[in-house]
């Protein structure tokens, strides 16, 4: 999976030259977008076989790498903008316990957003690569 992550990150760096290759946030966003895409397309089941033997079908087809790179860029920009605007935003305050909680936009955006928000513009393409859920095989041959 490292090759796939690197390829998607390279595409993102090519598309948006303002991104920093050594940015830890970019690495985190790449991995998060890949995880979300694998779950969305039901391809997570292919990861283990691919990591054991790279000749097996890639869990992320090469046709999706550039599409996911664009999703990475949009997600990265959204998180960066939210972190700049709300870096020190107060989420909650308790009076007697004197507790102040600051918001964490990174976690709230990636964990709280729907797939349609994350994959805006790429959803139709991702749907084409969905694998069916096979729950039980009941027919005897």
Foldseek 3Di string as FASTA:
>chain_A
DVVLLVLLLVLLCVVPVVDDPPDPLLSVLSVLLVVVLCVVQVLPVVVVVCVVPVVDDDSQDPVCSNLSSVLSNVLSVVQVVCCVVQVAPWDDADDPVGDTHGDRSNCCPSVVDDPCVSNPPCVVVSNVNHDDDDDDDDDDD
